[in-house]
Amino acid sequence: MEIDIPGVGFLRLQNVVFDLNGTLAVDGKVSAPVRECIQNLSRKFHVVIASSDIHHSLAALAKDLGVEFHILTQGEIAPQKAALVRALGAEQTVAVGNGTNDWQMLQEAAVGIVIIGTEGASTKAVRAADLLVTSPMDAINCLLNPLRLTASLRH
């Protein structure tokens, strides 16, 4: 997706990195409507879901959705997520999360989106974000309808 945001500049976005738990999933489960939105998004973007996989469901979910997954190792999670964004190319990546361990990837990415959903959102993540939304579907729809992103981010 190519988008020119007044006061921000021209962005060529190709990747979307999602946190799983609290962002896409509530209590470890991804709803059918969110699954459908991710599948639609994956037709336009390279989608990666990053998680510590505490529910041991990430590989099956990614396969079902037709997206890439990245399992994070034990230890400091925030730097691992930021490194993933850098490896994909931070200037062409959108990061979507809600937790304290998401703040570095949100800050690193060209666009950082925080979802303040059922499980809430960390204030550290909120401070690192460019945009706040209330559901994964809202975040995805901002990417599928870039004028929404422009309207929210323009200066």
Protein backbone atom coordinates (compact mmCIF):
# COMPACT_ATOMS: atom_id res chain seq x y z
CA MET A 1 0.00 0.00 0.00
CA GLU A 2 1.30 3.42 -0.93
CA ILE A 3 -0.05 6.37 0.99
CA ASP A 4 0.92 10.04 1.25
CA ILE A 5 -0.06 11.41 4.64
CA PRO A 6 0.08 15.22 4.89
CA GLY A 7 2.63 16.28 7.47
CA VAL A 8 3.95 12.71 7.79
CA GLY A 9 5.11 11.90 4.28
CA PHE A 10 4.94 9.12 1.75
CA LEU A 11 4.70 5.57 3.11
CA ARG A 12 5.07 2.35 1.16
CA LEU A 13 3.65 -0.25 3.55
CA GLN A 14 4.11 -3.95 2.77
CA ASN A 15 4.14 -5.81 6.10
CA VAL A 16 1.87 -6.02 9.12
CA VAL A 17 3.13 -7.58 12.35
CA PHE A 18 0.46 -8.50 14.88
CA ASP A 19 0.83 -9.47 18.48
CA LEU A 20 -1.53 -12.37 19.20
CA ASN A 21 -2.84 -12.44 22.76
CA GLY A 22 -4.84 -9.38 23.76
CA THR A 23 -4.50 -7.95 20.25
CA LEU A 24 -6.03 -10.50 17.87
CA ALA A 25 -7.08 -13.08 20.45
CA VAL A 26 -9.13 -12.77 23.61
CA ASP A 27 -8.30 -15.46 26.15
CA GLY A 28 -6.35 -17.26 23.43
CA LYS A 29 -9.19 -17.38 20.90
CA VAL A 30 -9.45 -15.48 17.61
CA SER A 31 -13.05 -14.83 16.57
CA ALA A 32 -14.41 -15.76 13.15
CA PRO A 33 -14.86 -12.10 12.07
CA VAL A 34 -11.24 -11.29 13.01
CA ARG A 35 -10.04 -14.38 11.13
CA GLU A 36 -11.90 -13.23 8.03
CA CYS A 37 -10.43 -9.71 8.28
CA ILE A 38 -6.89 -11.13 8.59
CA GLN A 39 -7.43 -13.29 5.52
CA ASN A 40 -8.60 -10.21 3.59
CA LEU A 41 -5.59 -8.24 4.80
CA SER A 42 -3.20 -11.01 3.78
CA ARG A 43 -4.26 -10.54 0.16
CA LYS A 44 -2.68 -7.05 0.22
CA PHE A 45 0.07 -7.31 2.86
CA HIS A 46 2.65 -9.75 4.14
CA VAL A 47 1.13 -10.61 7.53
CA VAL A 48 3.13 -11.98 10.44
CA ILE A 49 1.73 -12.96 13.82
CA ALA A 50 4.32 -12.84 16.63
CA SER A 51 3.71 -14.51 19.97
CA SER A 52 5.26 -16.45 22.81
CA ASP A 53 2.52 -18.95 21.94
CA ILE A 54 1.42 -19.58 25.52
CA HIS A 55 -1.71 -21.36 24.24
CA HIS A 56 0.30 -23.52 21.78
CA SER A 57 -2.01 -22.59 18.92
CA LEU A 58 0.03 -20.19 16.79
CA ALA A 59 1.24 -22.60 14.09
CA ALA A 60 -2.25 -24.00 13.48
CA LEU A 61 -3.79 -20.51 13.47
CA ALA A 62 -1.21 -19.17 11.01
CA LYS A 63 -1.70 -22.16 8.72
CA ASP A 64 -5.48 -21.72 8.83
CA LEU A 65 -5.16 -18.02 8.00
CA GLY A 66 -2.43 -18.44 5.40
CA VAL A 67 -0.06 -16.05 7.17
CA GLU A 68 3.46 -16.26 8.57
CA PHE A 69 4.13 -16.73 12.27
CA HIS A 70 7.06 -16.01 14.53
CA ILE A 71 7.38 -17.71 17.92
CA LEU A 72 9.23 -15.59 20.45
CA THR A 73 11.67 -17.24 22.82
CA GLN A 74 11.73 -16.89 26.56
CA GLY A 75 13.32 -13.79 27.99
CA GLU A 76 12.83 -10.21 26.91
CA ILE A 77 9.97 -10.23 24.39
CA ALA A 78 9.87 -6.52 23.46
CA PRO A 79 13.33 -6.47 21.84
CA GLN A 80 12.51 -9.65 19.86
CA LYS A 81 9.39 -8.04 18.40
CA ALA A 82 11.32 -4.88 17.52
CA ALA A 83 14.02 -7.00 15.84
CA LEU A 84 11.34 -8.74 13.77
CA VAL A 85 10.01 -5.38 12.57
CA ARG A 86 13.55 -4.25 11.67
CA ALA A 87 14.21 -7.54 9.82
CA LEU A 88 11.09 -7.00 7.72
CA GLY A 89 12.02 -3.37 7.09
CA ALA A 90 10.67 -1.00 9.72
CA GLU A 91 9.99 1.75 7.16
CA GLN A 92 7.53 -0.52 5.34
CA THR A 93 5.97 -2.25 8.33
CA VAL A 94 2.87 -1.64 10.45
CA ALA A 95 2.97 -3.05 13.98
CA VAL A 96 -0.22 -3.83 15.89
CA GLY A 97 -0.26 -4.67 19.59
CA ASN A 98 -1.64 -3.85 23.01
CA GLY A 99 0.86 -4.88 25.67
CA THR A 100 3.96 -3.59 27.36
CA ASN A 101 6.01 -6.11 25.38
CA ASP A 102 4.75 -4.46 22.16
CA TRP A 103 6.01 -0.92 22.76
CA GLN A 104 9.35 -1.33 21.00
CA MET A 105 7.86 -2.77 17.80
CA LEU A 106 5.16 -0.07 17.81
CA GLN A 107 7.82 2.62 18.08
CA GLU A 108 10.11 0.97 15.51
CA ALA A 109 7.45 0.49 12.81
CA ALA A 110 6.46 3.09 10.21
CA VAL A 111 2.99 2.97 11.77
CA GLY A 112 2.21 1.61 15.23
CA ILE A 113 -1.39 0.75 16.07
CA VAL A 114 -2.61 -0.12 19.56
CA ILE A 115 -5.84 -1.99 20.08
CA ILE A 116 -7.60 -1.07 23.30
CA GLY A 117 -9.89 -4.07 23.45
CA THR A 118 -11.37 -6.47 25.97
CA GLU A 119 -8.01 -7.11 27.62
CA GLY A 120 -7.13 -3.40 27.67
CA ALA A 121 -3.84 -1.86 26.59
CA SER A 122 -0.62 -0.98 28.34
CA THR A 123 0.09 2.72 28.77
CA LYS A 124 3.63 2.06 27.57
CA ALA A 125 2.23 0.66 24.31
CA VAL A 126 -0.22 3.55 23.99
CA ARG A 127 2.59 6.11 24.34
CA ALA A 128 4.57 4.37 21.55
CA ALA A 129 1.62 4.18 19.12
CA ASP A 130 0.64 6.40 16.23
CA LEU A 131 -3.00 5.30 16.31
CA LEU A 132 -5.40 3.82 18.88
CA VAL A 133 -8.39 1.70 17.90
CA THR A 134 -10.85 -0.45 19.80
CA SER A 135 -10.77 -3.72 17.87
CA PRO A 136 -8.58 -5.76 15.53
CA MET A 137 -11.17 -5.26 12.81
CA ASP A 138 -10.85 -1.48 13.17
CA ALA A 139 -7.06 -1.72 12.82
CA ILE A 140 -7.35 -3.96 9.75
CA ASN A 141 -10.01 -1.77 8.17
CA CYS A 142 -7.70 1.27 8.53
CA LEU A 143 -5.18 -0.63 6.42
CA LEU A 144 -7.71 -1.87 3.88
CA ASN A 145 -9.18 1.66 3.60
CA PRO A 146 -6.10 3.90 3.65
CA LEU A 147 -8.09 7.15 3.73
CA ARG A 148 -8.99 6.23 7.32
CA LEU A 149 -5.30 6.07 8.16
CA THR A 150 -4.69 9.38 6.41
CA ALA A 151 -7.55 11.06 8.26
CA SER A 152 -6.23 9.93 11.64
CA LEU A 153 -2.51 10.54 11.11
CA ARG A 154 -2.38 13.74 9.05
CA HIS A 155 -0.97 16.83 10.73
